[in-house]
Amino acid sequence: MSHAAKTGKRLVHSERQPNRNFDLYSSDSVVKFHVDGAAGMAIGPTLSRLEFFNVDHIEQSDGGEPMEVREQSLTVVIPTSALVEFLVNGLNQTAASKDAIVQGMTAQAESIRKVLESISVAK
């Protein structure tokens, strides 16, 4: 009986290559976090740390400009070799999807522009 059949988990990805021999499963209990941005990273020879933030609120700075108040909300510790693999795969996927990403951003900007133009603000 397969791991998926025994555990009720779904097979997401499978690879059979030298040094990349694995099955990746997913379940309903995967933890998901929303973050607004990356706060920093520390890359070591064996482990790396990625820090992320959420915007708590926006206030005015002493100069009167809007200023985000950010709060570190998540730290991920990951083997450096896994981080490098993750970054390379992410850059390759981004490059392969470049046209779709630009097209999606353009369509989203146009949609937002139309909504903003339709708003009538009483003065």
PDB file of N, CA and C in Angstrom:
ATOM      1  N   MET A   1       0.845  -1.183   0.000  1.00  0.00           N
ATOM      2  CA  MET A   1       0.000   0.000   0.000  1.00  0.00           C
ATOM      3  C   MET A   1       0.885   1.240   0.000  1.00  0.00           C
ATOM      4  N   SER A   2       0.524   2.231  -0.808  1.00  0.00           N
ATOM      5  CA  SER A   2       1.334   3.437  -0.935  1.00  0.00           C
ATOM      6  C   SER A   2       1.202   4.330   0.305  1.00  0.00           C
ATOM      7  N   HIS A   3       2.160   5.228   0.445  1.00  0.00           N
ATOM      8  CA  HIS A   3       2.127   6.189   1.558  1.00  0.00           C
ATOM      9  C   HIS A   3       0.851   7.028   1.493  1.00  0.00           C
ATOM     10  N   ALA A   4       0.461   7.473   0.289  1.00  0.00           N
ATOM     11  CA  ALA A   4      -0.745   8.283   0.125  1.00  0.00           C
ATOM     12  C   ALA A   4      -1.976   7.514   0.571  1.00  0.00           C
ATOM     13  N   ALA A   5      -2.076   6.259   0.179  1.00  0.00           N
ATOM     14  CA  ALA A   5      -3.237   5.447   0.555  1.00  0.00           C
ATOM     15  C   ALA A   5      -3.266   5.199   2.057  1.00  0.00           C
ATOM     16  N   LYS A   6      -2.103   5.016   2.679  1.00  0.00           N
ATOM     17  CA  LYS A   6      -2.042   4.750   4.119  1.00  0.00           C
ATOM     18  C   LYS A   6      -2.352   5.986   4.950  1.00  0.00           C
ATOM     19  N   THR A   7      -1.940   7.158   4.465  1.00  0.00           N
ATOM     20  CA  THR A   7      -2.028   8.363   5.287  1.00  0.00           C
ATOM     21  C   THR A   7      -3.113   9.337   4.852  1.00  0.00           C
ATOM     22  N   GLY A   8      -3.662   9.167   3.654  1.00  0.00           N
ATOM     23  CA  GLY A   8      -4.640  10.113   3.145  1.00  0.00           C
ATOM     24  C   GLY A   8      -4.022  11.393   2.618  1.00  0.00           C
ATOM     25  N   LYS A   9      -2.709  11.403   2.496  1.00  0.00           N
ATOM     26  CA  LYS A   9      -2.022  12.586   1.983  1.00  0.00           C
ATOM     27  C   LYS A   9      -1.923  12.491   0.469  1.00  0.00           C
ATOM     28  N   ARG A  10      -1.796  13.641  -0.168  1.00  0.00           N
ATOM     29  CA  ARG A  10      -1.778  13.738  -1.626  1.00  0.00           C
ATOM     30  C   ARG A  10      -0.344  13.876  -2.124  1.00  0.00           C
ATOM     31  N   LEU A  11       0.020  13.059  -3.139  1.00  0.00           N
ATOM     32  CA  LEU A  11       1.338  13.158  -3.755  1.00  0.00           C
ATOM     33  C   LEU A  11       1.382  14.430  -4.598  1.00  0.00           C
ATOM     34  N   VAL A  12       2.335  15.317  -4.290  1.00  0.00           N
ATOM     35  CA  VAL A  12       2.456  16.597  -4.971  1.00  0.00           C
ATOM     36  C   VAL A  12       3.530  16.537  -6.053  1.00  0.00           C
ATOM     37  N   HIS A  13       4.623  15.883  -5.738  1.00  0.00           N
ATOM     38  CA  HIS A  13       5.755  15.862  -6.675  1.00  0.00           C
ATOM     39  C   HIS A  13       6.609  14.636  -6.383  1.00  0.00           C
ATOM     40  N   SER A  14       7.167  14.068  -7.433  1.00  0.00           N
ATOM     41  CA  SER A  14       8.021  12.905  -7.302  1.00  0.00           C
ATOM     42  C   SER A  14       9.228  13.079  -8.215  1.00  0.00           C
ATOM     43  N   GLU A  15      10.420  12.801  -7.707  1.00  0.00           N
ATOM     44  CA  GLU A  15      11.643  12.871  -8.524  1.00  0.00           C
ATOM     45  C   GLU A  15      12.482  11.637  -8.295  1.00  0.00           C
ATOM     46  N   ARG A  16      13.096  11.182  -9.373  1.00  0.00           N
ATOM     47  CA  ARG A  16      14.013  10.047  -9.309  1.00  0.00           C
ATOM     48  C   ARG A  16      15.249  10.407 -10.122  1.00  0.00           C
ATOM     49  N   GLN A  17      16.202  11.081  -9.471  1.00  0.00           N
ATOM     50  CA  GLN A  17      17.470  11.466 -10.091  1.00  0.00           C
ATOM     51  C   GLN A  17      18.563  11.252  -9.053  1.00  0.00           C
ATOM     52  N   PRO A  18      19.801  11.144  -9.496  1.00  0.00           N
ATOM     53  CA  PRO A  18      20.888  11.043  -8.512  1.00  0.00           C
ATOM     54  C   PRO A  18      20.854  12.243  -7.558  1.00  0.00           C
ATOM     55  N   ASN A  19      20.913  11.983  -6.291  1.00  0.00           N
ATOM     56  CA  ASN A  19      20.871  12.997  -5.221  1.00  0.00           C
ATOM     57  C   ASN A  19      19.544  13.741  -5.131  1.00  0.00           C
ATOM     58  N   ARG A  20      18.532  13.314  -5.866  1.00  0.00           N
ATOM     59  CA  ARG A  20      17.191  13.925  -5.802  1.00  0.00           C
ATOM     60  C   ARG A  20      16.150  12.824  -5.942  1.00  0.00           C
ATOM     61  N   ASN A  21      16.128  11.921  -4.992  1.00  0.00           N
ATOM     62  CA  ASN A  21      15.244  10.771  -5.019  1.00  0.00           C
ATOM     63  C   ASN A  21      14.218  10.937  -3.892  1.00  0.00           C
ATOM     64  N   PHE A  22      13.013  11.464  -4.241  1.00  0.00           N
ATOM     65  CA  PHE A  22      12.038  11.735  -3.183  1.00  0.00           C
ATOM     66  C   PHE A  22      10.613  11.754  -3.722  1.00  0.00           C
ATOM     67  N   ASP A  23       9.670  11.624  -2.796  1.00  0.00           N
ATOM     68  CA  ASP A  23       8.243  11.865  -3.027  1.00  0.00           C
ATOM     69  C   ASP A  23       7.828  12.958  -2.050  1.00  0.00           C
ATOM     70  N   LEU A  24       7.100  13.963  -2.530  1.00  0.00           N
ATOM     71  CA  LEU A  24       6.622  15.064  -1.693  1.00  0.00           C
ATOM     72  C   LEU A  24       5.116  14.941  -1.559  1.00  0.00           C
ATOM     73  N   TYR A  25       4.635  14.886  -0.318  1.00  0.00           N
ATOM     74  CA  TYR A  25       3.210  14.744  -0.037  1.00  0.00           C
ATOM     75  C   TYR A  25       2.680  16.001   0.635  1.00  0.00           C
ATOM     76  N   SER A  26       1.379  16.235   0.488  1.00  0.00           N
ATOM     77  CA  SER A  26       0.721  17.367   1.129  1.00  0.00           C
ATOM     78  C   SER A  26      -0.522  16.867   1.851  1.00  0.00           C
ATOM     79  N   SER A  27      -0.893  17.569   2.899  1.00  0.00           N
ATOM     80  CA  SER A  27      -2.103  17.212   3.642  1.00  0.00           C
ATOM     81  C   SER A  27      -2.885  18.477   3.956  1.00  0.00           C
ATOM     82  N   ASP A  28      -4.045  18.312   4.551  1.00  0.00           N
ATOM     83  CA  ASP A  28      -4.874  19.457   4.919  1.00  0.00           C
ATOM     84  C   ASP A  28      -4.272  20.266   6.063  1.00  0.00           C
ATOM     85  N   SER A  29      -3.287  19.699   6.758  1.00  0.00           N
ATOM     86  CA  SER A  29      -2.734  20.382   7.927  1.00  0.00           C
ATOM     87  C   SER A  29      -1.482  21.201   7.611  1.00  0.00           C
ATOM     88  N   VAL A  30      -1.241  21.522   6.328  1.00  0.00           N
ATOM     89  CA  VAL A  30      -0.098  22.357   5.976  1.00  0.00           C
ATOM     90  C   VAL A  30      -0.303  23.742   6.581  1.00  0.00           C
ATOM     91  N   VAL A  31       0.710  24.254   7.258  1.00  0.00           N
ATOM     92  CA  VAL A  31       0.633  25.565   7.892  1.00  0.00           C
ATOM     93  C   VAL A  31       0.905  26.623   6.825  1.00  0.00           C
ATOM     94  N   LYS A  32       0.005  27.610   6.737  1.00  0.00           N
ATOM     95  CA  LYS A  32       0.149  28.685   5.758  1.00  0.00           C
ATOM     96  C   LYS A  32       0.228  30.012   6.494  1.00  0.00           C
ATOM     97  N   PHE A  33       1.185  30.846   6.084  1.00  0.00           N
ATOM     98  CA  PHE A  33       1.371  32.168   6.673  1.00  0.00           C
ATOM     99  C   PHE A  33       1.313  33.212   5.570  1.00  0.00           C
ATOM    100  N   HIS A  34       0.698  34.340   5.850  1.00  0.00           N
ATOM    101  CA  HIS A  34       0.769  35.489   4.942  1.00  0.00           C
ATOM    102  C   HIS A  34       1.798  36.434   5.527  1.00  0.00           C
ATOM    103  N   VAL A  35       2.707  36.903   4.689  1.00  0.00           N
ATOM    104  CA  VAL A  35       3.665  37.930   5.095  1.00  0.00           C
ATOM    105  C   VAL A  35       3.619  39.040   4.055  1.00  0.00           C
ATOM    106  N   ASP A  36       3.958  40.241   4.494  1.00  0.00           N
ATOM    107  CA  ASP A  36       3.976  41.382   3.585  1.00  0.00           C
ATOM    108  C   ASP A  36       5.332  41.592   2.932  1.00  0.00           C
ATOM    109  N   GLY A  37       6.390  41.019   3.521  1.00  0.00           N
ATOM    110  CA  GLY A  37       7.702  41.205   2.919  1.00  0.00           C
ATOM    111  C   GLY A  37       8.792  40.502   3.696  1.00  0.00           C
ATOM    112  N   ALA A  38       9.989  40.566   3.138  1.00  0.00           N
ATOM    113  CA  ALA A  38      11.158  39.951   3.762  1.00  0.00           C
ATOM    114  C   ALA A  38      11.881  40.986   4.614  1.00  0.00           C
ATOM    115  N   ALA A  39      12.177  40.617   5.860  1.00  0.00           N
ATOM    116  CA  ALA A  39      12.862  41.520   6.777  1.00  0.00           C
ATOM    117  C   ALA A  39      14.369  41.327   6.733  1.00  0.00           C
ATOM    118  N   GLY A  40      14.809  40.142   6.369  1.00  0.00           N
ATOM    119  CA  GLY A  40      16.251  39.905   6.305  1.00  0.00           C
ATOM    120  C   GLY A  40      16.560  38.432   6.237  1.00  0.00           C
ATOM    121  N   MET A  41      17.845  38.147   6.070  1.00  0.00           N
ATOM    122  CA  MET A  41      18.285  36.764   6.055  1.00  0.00           C
ATOM    123  C   MET A  41      19.719  36.689   6.546  1.00  0.00           C
ATOM    124  N   ALA A  42      20.036  35.545   7.100  1.00  0.00           N
ATOM    125  CA  ALA A  42      21.401  35.239   7.507  1.00  0.00           C
ATOM    126  C   ALA A  42      21.727  33.885   6.901  1.00  0.00           C
ATOM    127  N   ILE A  43      22.761  33.846   6.076  1.00  0.00           N
ATOM    128  CA  ILE A  43      23.123  32.609   5.393  1.00  0.00           C
ATOM    129  C   ILE A  43      24.413  32.088   5.993  1.00  0.00           C
ATOM    130  N   GLY A  44      24.330  30.907   6.563  1.00  0.00           N
ATOM    131  CA  GLY A  44      25.501  30.280   7.163  1.00  0.00           C
ATOM    132  C   GLY A  44      25.951  29.083   6.340  1.00  0.00           C
ATOM    133  N   PRO A  45      27.041  28.465   6.735  1.00  0.00           N
ATOM    134  CA  PRO A  45      27.563  27.338   5.963  1.00  0.00           C
ATOM    135  C   PRO A  45      26.648  26.116   5.981  1.00  0.00           C
ATOM    136  N   THR A  46      25.898  25.927   7.055  1.00  0.00           N
ATOM    137  CA  THR A  46      25.010  24.753   7.125  1.00  0.00           C
ATOM    138  C   THR A  46      23.550  25.121   7.281  1.00  0.00           C
ATOM    139  N   LEU A  47      23.255  26.197   8.003  1.00  0.00           N
ATOM    140  CA  LEU A  47      21.873  26.634   8.224  1.00  0.00           C
ATOM    141  C   LEU A  47      21.730  28.098   7.855  1.00  0.00           C
ATOM    142  N   SER A  48      20.537  28.444   7.401  1.00  0.00           N
ATOM    143  CA  SER A  48      20.220  29.835   7.081  1.00  0.00           C
ATOM    144  C   SER A  48      18.936  30.226   7.784  1.00  0.00           C
ATOM    145  N   ARG A  49      18.775  31.525   8.007  1.00  0.00           N
ATOM    146  CA  ARG A  49      17.577  32.042   8.671  1.00  0.00           C
ATOM    147  C   ARG A  49      16.963  33.109   7.778  1.00  0.00           C
ATOM    148  N   LEU A  50      15.663  32.975   7.505  1.00  0.00           N
ATOM    149  CA  LEU A  50      14.901  33.945   6.724  1.00  0.00           C
ATOM    150  C   LEU A  50      13.899  34.595   7.659  1.00  0.00           C
ATOM    151  N   GLU A  51      13.831  35.917   7.641  1.00  0.00           N
ATOM    152  CA  GLU A  51      12.917  36.645   8.513  1.00  0.00           C
ATOM    153  C   GLU A  51      11.936  37.438   7.666  1.00  0.00           C
ATOM    154  N   PHE A  52      10.666  37.389   8.054  1.00  0.00           N
ATOM    155  CA  PHE A  52       9.589  38.044   7.303  1.00  0.00           C
ATOM    156  C   PHE A  52       8.812  38.966   8.224  1.00  0.00           C
ATOM    157  N   PHE A  53       8.121  39.950   7.613  1.00  0.00           N
ATOM    158  CA  PHE A  53       7.355  40.913   8.406  1.00  0.00           C
ATOM    159  C   PHE A  53       5.940  41.067   7.860  1.00  0.00           C
ATOM    160  N   ASN A  54       5.091  41.616   8.709  1.00  0.00           N
ATOM    161  CA  ASN A  54       3.770  42.095   8.324  1.00  0.00           C
ATOM    162  C   ASN A  54       3.694  43.565   8.686  1.00  0.00           C
ATOM    163  N   VAL A  55       2.953  44.327   7.883  1.00  0.00           N
ATOM    164  CA  VAL A  55       2.738  45.737   8.190  1.00  0.00           C
ATOM    165  C   VAL A  55       1.648  45.801   9.252  1.00  0.00           C
ATOM    166  N   ASP A  56       1.995  46.361  10.417  1.00  0.00           N
ATOM    167  CA  ASP A  56       1.036  46.476  11.513  1.00  0.00           C
ATOM    168  C   ASP A  56       0.082  47.638  11.255  1.00  0.00           C
ATOM    169  N   HIS A  57       0.638  48.777  10.884  1.00  0.00           N
ATOM    170  CA  HIS A  57      -0.175  49.943  10.544  1.00  0.00           C
ATOM    171  C   HIS A  57       0.727  50.982   9.871  1.00  0.00           C
ATOM    172  N   ILE A  58       0.112  52.029   9.396  1.00  0.00           N
ATOM    173  CA  ILE A  58       0.857  53.129   8.776  1.00  0.00           C
ATOM    174  C   ILE A  58       0.591  54.386   9.583  1.00  0.00           C
ATOM    175  N   GLU A  59       1.668  55.059   9.915  1.00  0.00           N
ATOM    176  CA  GLU A  59       1.533  56.314  10.665  1.00  0.00           C
ATOM    177  C   GLU A  59       2.374  57.380   9.968  1.00  0.00           C
ATOM    178  N   GLN A  60       2.239  58.620  10.417  1.00  0.00           N
ATOM    179  CA  GLN A  60       3.028  59.696   9.824  1.00  0.00           C
ATOM    180  C   GLN A  60       4.371  59.788  10.529  1.00  0.00           C
ATOM    181  N   SER A  61       5.416  59.937   9.715  1.00  0.00           N
ATOM    182  CA  SER A  61       6.749  60.121  10.285  1.00  0.00           C
ATOM    183  C   SER A  61       6.871  61.561  10.791  1.00  0.00           C
ATOM    184  N   ASP A  62       7.984  61.853  11.438  1.00  0.00           N
ATOM    185  CA  ASP A  62       8.219  63.219  11.927  1.00  0.00           C
ATOM    186  C   ASP A  62       8.188  64.230  10.797  1.00  0.00           C
ATOM    187  N   GLY A  63       8.556  63.795   9.585  1.00  0.00           N
ATOM    188  CA  GLY A  63       8.537  64.684   8.432  1.00  0.00           C
ATOM    189  C   GLY A  63       7.182  64.755   7.759  1.00  0.00           C
ATOM    190  N   GLY A  64       6.184  64.061   8.285  1.00  0.00           N
ATOM    191  CA  GLY A  64       4.839  64.099   7.734  1.00  0.00           C
ATOM    192  C   GLY A  64       4.562  63.079   6.641  1.00  0.00           C
ATOM    193  N   GLU A  65       5.570  62.289   6.289  1.00  0.00           N
ATOM    194  CA  GLU A  65       5.395  61.268   5.259  1.00  0.00           C
ATOM    195  C   GLU A  65       4.805  59.994   5.870  1.00  0.00           C
ATOM    196  N   PRO A  66       4.017  59.247   5.081  1.00  0.00           N
ATOM    197  CA  PRO A  66       3.520  57.964   5.585  1.00  0.00           C
ATOM    198  C   PRO A  66       4.688  57.023   5.889  1.00  0.00           C
ATOM    199  N   MET A  67       4.579  56.300   6.992  1.00  0.00           N
ATOM    200  CA  MET A  67       5.625  55.371   7.402  1.00  0.00           C
ATOM    201  C   MET A  67       4.992  54.053   7.845  1.00  0.00           C
ATOM    202  N   GLU A  68       5.440  52.969   7.255  1.00  0.00           N
ATOM    203  CA  GLU A  68       4.941  51.658   7.657  1.00  0.00           C
ATOM    204  C   GLU A  68       5.553  51.271   8.996  1.00  0.00           C
ATOM    205  N   VAL A  69       4.725  50.745   9.878  1.00  0.00           N
ATOM    206  CA  VAL A  69       5.217  50.150  11.118  1.00  0.00           C
ATOM    207  C   VAL A  69       5.166  48.647  10.895  1.00  0.00           C
ATOM    208  N   ARG A  70       6.351  48.047  10.787  1.00  0.00           N
ATOM    209  CA  ARG A  70       6.467  46.632  10.451  1.00  0.00           C
ATOM    210  C   ARG A  70       6.768  45.814  11.688  1.00  0.00           C
ATOM    211  N   GLU A  71       6.233  44.598  11.702  1.00  0.00           N
ATOM    212  CA  GLU A  71       6.469  43.690  12.813  1.00  0.00           C
ATOM    213  C   GLU A  71       6.961  42.362  12.262  1.00  0.00           C
ATOM    214  N   GLN A  72       8.114  41.920  12.763  1.00  0.00           N
ATOM    215  CA  GLN A  72       8.619  40.622  12.325  1.00  0.00           C
ATOM    216  C   GLN A  72       7.618  39.561  12.763  1.00  0.00           C
ATOM    217  N   SER A  73       7.176  38.747  11.800  1.00  0.00           N
ATOM    218  CA  SER A  73       6.096  37.813  12.091  1.00  0.00           C
ATOM    219  C   SER A  73       6.461  36.345  11.882  1.00  0.00           C
ATOM    220  N   LEU A  74       7.571  36.084  11.196  1.00  0.00           N
ATOM    221  CA  LEU A  74       7.922  34.695  10.903  1.00  0.00           C
ATOM    222  C   LEU A  74       9.419  34.581  10.696  1.00  0.00           C
ATOM    223  N   THR A  75      10.007  33.564  11.299  1.00  0.00           N
ATOM    224  CA  THR A  75      11.404  33.213  11.056  1.00  0.00           C
ATOM    225  C   THR A  75      11.434  31.770  10.597  1.00  0.00           C
ATOM    226  N   VAL A  76      12.129  31.534   9.497  1.00  0.00           N
ATOM    227  CA  VAL A  76      12.274  30.181   8.968  1.00  0.00           C
ATOM    228  C   VAL A  76      13.751  29.825   9.031  1.00  0.00           C
ATOM    229  N   VAL A  77      14.066  28.699   9.648  1.00  0.00           N
ATOM    230  CA  VAL A  77      15.429  28.178   9.670  1.00  0.00           C
ATOM    231  C   VAL A  77      15.448  26.992   8.719  1.00  0.00           C
ATOM    232  N   ILE A  78      16.389  27.001   7.772  1.00  0.00           N
ATOM    233  CA  ILE A  78      16.415  26.015   6.700  1.00  0.00           C
ATOM    234  C   ILE A  78      17.874  25.646   6.403  1.00  0.00           C
ATOM    235  N   PRO A  79      18.147  24.391   6.077  1.00  0.00           N
ATOM    236  CA  PRO A  79      19.510  24.062   5.663  1.00  0.00           C
ATOM    237  C   PRO A  79      19.920  24.932   4.463  1.00  0.00           C
ATOM    238  N   THR A  80      21.135  25.439   4.472  1.00  0.00           N
ATOM    239  CA  THR A  80      21.588  26.330   3.407  1.00  0.00           C
ATOM    240  C   THR A  80      21.501  25.663   2.041  1.00  0.00           C
ATOM    241  N   SER A  81      21.814  24.383   1.957  1.00  0.00           N
ATOM    242  CA  SER A  81      21.719  23.685   0.664  1.00  0.00           C
ATOM    243  C   SER A  81      20.283  23.676   0.146  1.00  0.00           C
ATOM    244  N   ALA A  82      19.302  23.511   1.030  1.00  0.00           N
ATOM    245  CA  ALA A  82      17.892  23.528   0.622  1.00  0.00           C
ATOM    246  C   ALA A  82      17.470  24.938   0.209  1.00  0.00           C
ATOM    247  N   LEU A  83      17.996  25.959   0.902  1.00  0.00           N
ATOM    248  CA  LEU A  83      17.693  27.346   0.536  1.00  0.00           C
ATOM    249  C   LEU A  83      18.226  27.668  -0.856  1.00  0.00           C
ATOM    250  N   VAL A  84      19.463  27.263  -1.137  1.00  0.00           N
ATOM    251  CA  VAL A  84      20.056  27.516  -2.458  1.00  0.00           C
ATOM    252  C   VAL A  84      19.225  26.833  -3.540  1.00  0.00           C
ATOM    253  N   GLU A  85      18.831  25.593  -3.309  1.00  0.00           N
ATOM    254  CA  GLU A  85      17.988  24.875  -4.277  1.00  0.00           C
ATOM    255  C   GLU A  85      16.654  25.597  -4.472  1.00  0.00           C
ATOM    256  N   PHE A  86      16.043  26.047  -3.392  1.00  0.00           N
ATOM    257  CA  PHE A  86      14.773  26.778  -3.433  1.00  0.00           C
ATOM    258  C   PHE A  86      14.915  28.071  -4.242  1.00  0.00           C
ATOM    259  N   LEU A  87      15.991  28.820  -3.997  1.00  0.00           N
ATOM    260  CA  LEU A  87      16.209  30.087  -4.706  1.00  0.00           C
ATOM    261  C   LEU A  87      16.448  29.866  -6.194  1.00  0.00           C
ATOM    262  N   VAL A  88      17.262  28.878  -6.539  1.00  0.00           N
ATOM    263  CA  VAL A  88      17.531  28.589  -7.951  1.00  0.00           C
ATOM    264  C   VAL A  88      16.242  28.171  -8.654  1.00  0.00           C
ATOM    265  N   ASN A  89      15.471  27.278  -8.029  1.00  0.00           N
ATOM    266  CA  ASN A  89      14.200  26.846  -8.633  1.00  0.00           C
ATOM    267  C   ASN A  89      13.240  28.023  -8.782  1.00  0.00           C
ATOM    268  N   GLY A  90      13.176  28.893  -7.767  1.00  0.00           N
ATOM    269  CA  GLY A  90      12.294  30.053  -7.829  1.00  0.00           C
ATOM    270  C   GLY A  90      12.679  31.017  -8.939  1.00  0.00           C
ATOM    271  N   LEU A  91      13.978  31.268  -9.092  1.00  0.00           N
ATOM    272  CA  LEU A  91      14.433  32.165 -10.163  1.00  0.00           C
ATOM    273  C   LEU A  91      14.167  31.557 -11.537  1.00  0.00           C
ATOM    274  N   ASN A  92      14.392  30.258 -11.671  1.00  0.00           N
ATOM    275  CA  ASN A  92      14.112  29.593 -12.951  1.00  0.00           C
ATOM    276  C   ASN A  92      12.620  29.657 -13.294  1.00  0.00           C
ATOM    277  N   GLN A  93      11.763  29.426 -12.301  1.00  0.00           N
ATOM    278  CA  GLN A  93      10.316  29.483 -12.541  1.00  0.00           C
ATOM    279  C   GLN A  93       9.877  30.912 -12.867  1.00  0.00           C
ATOM    280  N   THR A  94      10.460  31.893 -12.189  1.00  0.00           N
ATOM    281  CA  THR A  94      10.123  33.291 -12.460  1.00  0.00           C
ATOM    282  C   THR A  94      10.536  33.675 -13.882  1.00  0.00           C
ATOM    283  N   ALA A  95      11.734  33.281 -14.280  1.00  0.00           N
ATOM    284  CA  ALA A  95      12.202  33.589 -15.636  1.00  0.00           C
ATOM    285  C   ALA A  95      11.318  32.911 -16.681  1.00  0.00           C
ATOM    286  N   ALA A  96      10.919  31.671 -16.422  1.00  0.00           N
ATOM    287  CA  ALA A  96      10.071  30.940 -17.373  1.00  0.00           C
ATOM    288  C   ALA A  96       8.675  31.555 -17.462  1.00  0.00           C
ATOM    289  N   SER A  97       8.231  32.221 -16.391  1.00  0.00           N
ATOM    290  CA  SER A  97       6.884  32.796 -16.348  1.00  0.00           C
ATOM    291  C   SER A  97       6.889  34.308 -16.545  1.00  0.00           C
ATOM    292  N   LYS A  98       8.011  34.859 -16.983  1.00  0.00           N
ATOM    293  CA  LYS A  98       8.181  36.313 -17.070  1.00  0.00           C
ATOM    294  C   LYS A  98       7.042  36.990 -17.821  1.00  0.00           C
ATOM    295  N   ASP A  99       6.708  36.489 -18.995  1.00  0.00           N
ATOM    296  CA  ASP A  99       5.669  37.141 -19.801  1.00  0.00           C
ATOM    297  C   ASP A  99       4.313  37.106 -19.100  1.00  0.00           C
ATOM    298  N   ALA A 100       3.972  35.977 -18.507  1.00  0.00           N
ATOM    299  CA  ALA A 100       2.691  35.856 -17.806  1.00  0.00           C
ATOM    300  C   ALA A 100       2.656  36.765 -16.576  1.00  0.00           C
ATOM    301  N   ILE A 101       3.768  36.887 -15.881  1.00  0.00           N
ATOM    302  CA  ILE A 101       3.830  37.750 -14.697  1.00  0.00           C
ATOM    303  C   ILE A 101       3.628  39.204 -15.099  1.00  0.00           C
ATOM    304  N   VAL A 102       4.347  39.653 -16.121  1.00  0.00           N
ATOM    305  CA  VAL A 102       4.218  41.040 -16.582  1.00  0.00           C
ATOM    306  C   VAL A 102       2.807  41.302 -17.079  1.00  0.00           C
ATOM    307  N   GLN A 103       2.250  40.366 -17.831  1.00  0.00           N
ATOM    308  CA  GLN A 103       0.887  40.516 -18.345  1.00  0.00           C
ATOM    309  C   GLN A 103      -0.116  40.595 -17.192  1.00  0.00           C
ATOM    310  N   GLY A 104       0.042  39.755 -16.183  1.00  0.00           N
ATOM    311  CA  GLY A 104      -0.851  39.782 -15.029  1.00  0.00           C
ATOM    312  C   GLY A 104      -0.748  41.078 -14.252  1.00  0.00           C
ATOM    313  N   MET A 105       0.475  41.583 -14.080  1.00  0.00           N
ATOM    314  CA  MET A 105       0.664  42.845 -13.368  1.00  0.00           C
ATOM    315  C   MET A 105       0.034  43.998 -14.137  1.00  0.00           C
ATOM    316  N   THR A 106       0.189  43.987 -15.448  1.00  0.00           N
ATOM    317  CA  THR A 106      -0.384  45.034 -16.291  1.00  0.00           C
ATOM    318  C   THR A 106      -1.908  45.005 -16.218  1.00  0.00           C
ATOM    319  N   ALA A 107      -2.494  43.801 -16.291  1.00  0.00           N
ATOM    320  CA  ALA A 107      -3.952  43.668 -16.221  1.00  0.00           C
ATOM    321  C   ALA A 107      -4.472  44.109 -14.856  1.00  0.00           C
ATOM    322  N   GLN A 108      -3.740  43.767 -13.802  1.00  0.00           N
ATOM    323  CA  GLN A 108      -4.162  44.158 -12.457  1.00  0.00           C
ATOM    324  C   GLN A 108      -4.101  45.680 -12.306  1.00  0.00           C
ATOM    325  N   ALA A 109      -3.041  46.295 -12.796  1.00  0.00           N
ATOM    326  CA  ALA A 109      -2.919  47.755 -12.714  1.00  0.00           C
ATOM    327  C   ALA A 109      -4.047  48.435 -13.479  1.00  0.00           C
ATOM    328  N   GLU A 110      -4.390  47.909 -14.643  1.00  0.00           N
ATOM    329  CA  GLU A 110      -5.478  48.485 -15.447  1.00  0.00           C
ATOM    330  C   GLU A 110      -6.810  48.352 -14.710  1.00  0.00           C
ATOM    331  N   SER A 111      -7.031  47.200 -14.093  1.00  0.00           N
ATOM    332  CA  SER A 111      -8.265  46.982 -13.337  1.00  0.00           C
ATOM    333  C   SER A 111      -8.371  47.951 -12.165  1.00  0.00           C
ATOM    334  N   ILE A 112      -7.295  48.153 -11.446  1.00  0.00           N
ATOM    335  CA  ILE A 112      -7.288  49.092 -10.312  1.00  0.00           C
ATOM    336  C   ILE A 112      -7.529  50.518 -10.810  1.00  0.00           C
ATOM    337  N   ARG A 113      -6.896  50.890 -11.936  1.00  0.00           N
ATOM    338  CA  ARG A 113      -7.082  52.226 -12.499  1.00  0.00           C
ATOM    339  C   ARG A 113      -8.552  52.479 -12.833  1.00  0.00           C
ATOM    340  N   LYS A 114      -9.225  51.490 -13.441  1.00  0.00           N
ATOM    341  CA  LYS A 114     -10.638  51.643 -13.799  1.00  0.00           C
ATOM    342  C   LYS A 114     -11.512  51.814 -12.559  1.00  0.00           C
ATOM    343  N   VAL A 115     -11.236  51.049 -11.514  1.00  0.00           N
ATOM    344  CA  VAL A 115     -12.014  51.178 -10.278  1.00  0.00           C
ATOM    345  C   VAL A 115     -11.812  52.558  -9.683  1.00  0.00           C
ATOM    346  N   LEU A 116     -10.565  53.020  -9.639  1.00  0.00           N
ATOM    347  CA  LEU A 116     -10.288  54.343  -9.060  1.00  0.00           C
ATOM    348  C   LEU A 116     -10.934  55.453  -9.861  1.00  0.00           C
ATOM    349  N   GLU A 117     -10.967  55.330 -11.169  1.00  0.00           N
ATOM    350  CA  GLU A 117     -11.593  56.351 -12.010  1.00  0.00           C
ATOM    351  C   GLU A 117     -13.104  56.386 -11.826  1.00  0.00           C
ATOM    352  N   SER A 118     -13.684  55.282 -11.386  1.00  0.00           N
ATOM    353  CA  SER A 118     -15.143  55.231 -11.228  1.00  0.00           C
ATOM    354  C   SER A 118     -15.591  55.796  -9.878  1.00  0.00           C
ATOM    355  N   ILE A 119     -14.664  56.077  -8.995  1.00  0.00           N
ATOM    356  CA  ILE A 119     -15.014  56.589  -7.668  1.00  0.00           C
ATOM    357  C   ILE A 119     -15.235  58.091  -7.736  1.00  0.00           C
ATOM    358  N   SER A 120     -16.364  58.503  -7.192  1.00  0.00           N
ATOM    359  CA  SER A 120     -16.677  59.929  -7.122  1.00  0.00           C
ATOM    360  C   SER A 120     -16.574  60.350  -5.670  1.00  0.00           C
ATOM    361  N   VAL A 121     -15.655  61.226  -5.381  1.00  0.00           N
ATOM    362  CA  VAL A 121     -15.433  61.669  -4.008  1.00  0.00           C
ATOM    363  C   VAL A 121     -16.120  63.022  -3.816  1.00  0.00           C
ATOM    364  N   ALA A 122     -16.982  63.089  -2.820  1.00  0.00           N
ATOM    365  CA  ALA A 122     -17.675  64.357  -2.505  1.00  0.00           C
ATOM    366  C   ALA A 122     -16.673  65.323  -1.904  1.00  0.00           C
ATOM    367  N   LYS A 123     -16.748  66.572  -2.356  1.00  0.00           N
ATOM    368  CA  LYS A 123     -15.809  67.579  -1.826  1.00  0.00           C
ATOM    369  C   LYS A 123     -16.548  68.589  -0.991  1.00  0.00           C
TER     370      LYS A 123
END
